[in-house]
Amino acid sequence: MSEMKRDARHVIQVTLNGEKRSGFAQPRMLLSDFIRHELGATGTHVGCEHGVCGACTIQLDGRAIRSCLTLAVQADGCDLVTVEGLTQREAELSLLQRAMKRHHALQCGYCTPGILMSFDVLMRKNPKASDQDIIDVLAGHLCRCTGYANITSAMRDVLDQIKSNAGGDHV
């Protein structure tokens, strides 16, 4: 990476939810702020700003990451997926989002985008995930409203659907 002047704004180019996008960022700008303020994708929430709560979780090149711990300049040239990218078509919820709704697995909804992003990665990498795998993913997210039981039920439901459908529906 070339040297960057600390107060200069640099062009950052990413693919956001399948669309080429660019914006400006100073070297110290967090990726979460870049996504929200430069690119206008406000589904990514910022909670603790220490990487503990998981609300800012997005996917960077297919991996779930905390966008509050990543600098925007580190994402230059990368593929980013936010919660807005989970829907297949305009106004159609993904299989996972429908399950969360059906199981009443959200209340205030602040933590939900980050949880969805982590579960999306789990389902793609391990469609035969165990209940312990689900718990392990949830361990990286703080939710003060739901108690996690309904979230776990929604995730199990989706994994069972994937198993019985052999992957025919988008997560």
Protein backbone atom coordinates (compact mmCIF):
# COMPACT_ATOMS: atom_id res chain seq x y z
CA MET A 1 0.00 0.00 0.00
CA SER A 2 1.38 3.41 -0.89
CA GLU A 3 1.91 6.10 1.73
CA MET A 4 -1.18 8.17 2.46
CA LYS A 5 -1.31 11.67 3.83
CA ARG A 6 -3.30 11.59 7.05
CA ASP A 7 -5.60 14.53 6.27
CA ALA A 8 -6.03 13.86 2.56
CA ARG A 9 -9.15 12.21 1.21
CA HIS A 10 -8.43 9.18 -0.95
CA VAL A 11 -10.68 7.50 -3.51
CA ILE A 12 -11.83 4.09 -2.31
CA GLN A 13 -13.36 1.76 -4.88
CA VAL A 14 -15.38 -1.27 -3.80
CA THR A 15 -18.07 -3.55 -5.10
CA LEU A 16 -20.98 -3.05 -2.71
CA ASN A 17 -23.76 -5.62 -2.94
CA GLY A 18 -22.78 -6.42 -6.51
CA GLU A 19 -22.48 -2.81 -7.69
CA LYS A 20 -19.21 -0.94 -8.35
CA ARG A 21 -19.10 2.05 -6.00
CA SER A 22 -16.55 4.61 -4.93
CA GLY A 23 -16.23 7.29 -2.31
CA PHE A 24 -13.65 9.30 -0.43
CA ALA A 25 -12.02 8.45 2.88
CA GLN A 26 -9.23 9.74 5.01
CA PRO A 27 -6.79 7.00 6.03
CA ARG A 28 -8.25 6.81 9.56
CA MET A 29 -11.92 6.51 8.46
CA LEU A 30 -13.58 3.31 9.61
CA LEU A 31 -15.17 1.06 7.03
CA SER A 32 -18.49 1.22 8.91
CA ASP A 33 -18.52 5.01 8.56
CA PHE A 34 -17.48 4.81 4.89
CA ILE A 35 -20.32 2.39 4.12
CA ARG A 36 -22.92 4.47 5.95
CA HIS A 37 -21.83 8.03 5.18
CA GLU A 38 -20.02 7.80 1.85
CA LEU A 39 -21.95 4.99 0.20
CA GLY A 40 -25.34 5.48 1.91
CA ALA A 41 -25.88 1.86 2.96
CA THR A 42 -27.33 2.50 6.40
CA GLY A 43 -28.28 -1.10 7.24
CA THR A 44 -24.83 -1.58 8.75
CA HIS A 45 -25.18 -0.48 12.37
CA VAL A 46 -22.48 0.77 14.70
CA GLY A 47 -22.86 -0.28 18.31
CA CYS A 48 -19.84 -0.52 20.57
CA GLU A 49 -17.12 0.64 18.11
CA HIS A 50 -14.80 -1.94 19.71
CA GLY A 51 -15.73 -5.05 17.71
CA VAL A 52 -17.54 -6.67 20.63
CA CYS A 53 -21.25 -6.32 19.82
CA GLY A 54 -21.24 -7.51 16.19
CA ALA A 55 -23.80 -4.94 14.99
CA CYS A 56 -21.39 -3.70 12.31
CA THR A 57 -20.70 -7.14 10.82
CA ILE A 58 -20.52 -7.19 7.02
CA GLN A 59 -18.92 -9.51 4.50
CA LEU A 60 -15.60 -8.57 2.94
CA ASP A 61 -14.57 -10.90 0.13
CA GLY A 62 -16.92 -13.55 1.54
CA ARG A 63 -15.72 -13.36 5.16
CA ALA A 64 -17.72 -11.92 8.04
CA ILE A 65 -15.79 -8.99 9.52
CA ARG A 66 -16.37 -6.18 11.98
CA SER A 67 -16.51 -3.02 9.89
CA CYS A 68 -15.86 -0.85 12.97
CA LEU A 69 -12.40 -2.44 13.30
CA THR A 70 -11.48 -2.14 9.63
CA LEU A 71 -10.27 0.99 7.89
CA ALA A 72 -11.99 2.01 4.68
CA VAL A 73 -8.63 2.11 2.87
CA GLN A 74 -8.15 -1.59 3.69
CA ALA A 75 -11.29 -2.41 1.70
CA ASP A 76 -10.15 -0.65 -1.48
CA GLY A 77 -10.78 -3.04 -4.39
CA CYS A 78 -12.73 -5.52 -2.25
CA ASP A 79 -16.18 -7.05 -2.56
CA LEU A 80 -18.47 -5.92 0.28
CA VAL A 81 -21.88 -7.30 1.16
CA THR A 82 -24.12 -5.57 3.67
CA VAL A 83 -27.57 -6.57 4.91
CA GLU A 84 -29.05 -4.69 1.94
CA GLY A 85 -27.32 -7.24 -0.32
CA LEU A 86 -29.11 -10.26 1.17
CA THR A 87 -32.33 -9.76 -0.78
CA GLN A 88 -32.60 -11.40 -4.18
CA ARG A 89 -34.90 -8.84 -5.72
CA GLU A 90 -36.28 -5.48 -4.66
CA ALA A 91 -38.50 -5.88 -1.59
CA GLU A 92 -38.11 -9.69 -1.38
CA LEU A 93 -36.70 -11.02 1.87
CA SER A 94 -34.12 -13.79 1.82
CA LEU A 95 -34.87 -17.21 3.30
CA LEU A 96 -33.00 -16.22 6.46
CA GLN A 97 -34.79 -12.89 6.79
CA ARG A 98 -38.18 -14.59 6.36
CA ALA A 99 -37.28 -17.13 9.06
CA MET A 100 -36.22 -14.37 11.47
CA LYS A 101 -39.58 -12.70 10.91
CA ARG A 102 -41.56 -15.96 11.18
CA HIS A 103 -39.85 -16.95 14.46
CA HIS A 104 -40.15 -13.46 15.97
CA ALA A 105 -36.37 -13.44 16.22
CA LEU A 106 -35.99 -9.68 16.34
CA GLN A 107 -37.34 -6.96 18.52
CA CYS A 108 -35.58 -3.61 18.32
CA GLY A 109 -33.63 -4.92 15.31
CA TYR A 110 -30.40 -3.07 16.00
CA CYS A 111 -28.28 -6.23 16.18
CA THR A 112 -30.16 -8.04 13.40
CA PRO A 113 -28.13 -6.92 10.35
CA GLY A 114 -24.87 -8.13 11.87
CA ILE A 115 -26.40 -11.43 12.95
CA LEU A 116 -27.85 -11.96 9.47
CA MET A 117 -24.47 -11.33 7.86
CA SER A 118 -22.71 -13.84 10.12
CA PHE A 119 -25.41 -16.48 9.63
CA ASP A 120 -25.31 -15.97 5.86
CA VAL A 121 -21.60 -16.87 5.91
CA LEU A 122 -22.23 -19.89 8.16
CA MET A 123 -24.99 -21.21 5.89
CA ARG A 124 -22.90 -20.87 2.75
CA LYS A 125 -19.81 -22.45 4.31
CA ASN A 126 -21.55 -25.09 6.39
CA PRO A 127 -25.16 -25.85 5.39
CA LYS A 128 -25.05 -28.83 7.76
CA ALA A 129 -24.15 -26.66 10.75
CA SER A 130 -24.93 -28.05 14.18
CA ASP A 131 -26.76 -26.32 17.00
CA GLN A 132 -23.34 -25.70 18.56
CA ASP A 133 -22.20 -23.97 15.35
CA ILE A 134 -25.25 -21.70 15.57
CA ILE A 135 -24.45 -20.91 19.20
CA ASP A 136 -20.82 -20.21 18.29
CA VAL A 137 -21.91 -17.66 15.68
CA LEU A 138 -24.34 -16.02 18.10
CA ALA A 139 -21.59 -15.80 20.72
CA GLY A 140 -20.07 -13.03 18.61
CA HIS A 141 -23.20 -10.88 18.77
CA LEU A 142 -24.87 -9.00 21.58
CA CYS A 143 -28.65 -8.78 21.60
CA ARG A 144 -30.34 -7.17 24.56
CA CYS A 145 -33.92 -7.85 23.47
CA THR A 146 -34.51 -11.40 22.27
CA GLY A 147 -32.75 -13.81 24.59
CA TYR A 148 -31.39 -15.61 21.49
CA ALA A 149 -33.82 -18.58 21.61
CA ASN A 150 -35.93 -17.36 18.69
CA ILE A 151 -32.84 -16.42 16.68
CA THR A 152 -31.47 -19.92 17.19
CA SER A 153 -34.83 -21.42 16.16
CA ALA A 154 -34.91 -19.30 13.00
CA MET A 155 -31.41 -20.38 12.06
CA ARG A 156 -32.16 -24.06 12.67
CA ASP A 157 -35.32 -23.70 10.56
CA VAL A 158 -33.33 -22.26 7.65
CA LEU A 159 -30.65 -24.93 7.85
CA ASP A 160 -33.35 -27.63 7.89
CA GLN A 161 -34.98 -26.03 4.83
CA ILE A 162 -31.65 -25.93 3.00
CA LYS A 163 -31.04 -29.58 3.85
CA SER A 164 -34.47 -30.67 2.59
CA ASN A 165 -34.31 -28.40 -0.48
CA ALA A 166 -30.68 -29.25 -1.35
CA GLY A 167 -29.84 -25.56 -1.70
CA GLY A 168 -32.52 -24.56 -4.21
CA ASP A 169 -33.48 -21.33 -2.42
CA HIS A 170 -31.21 -18.37 -1.72
CA VAL A 171 -30.27 -17.94 1.89
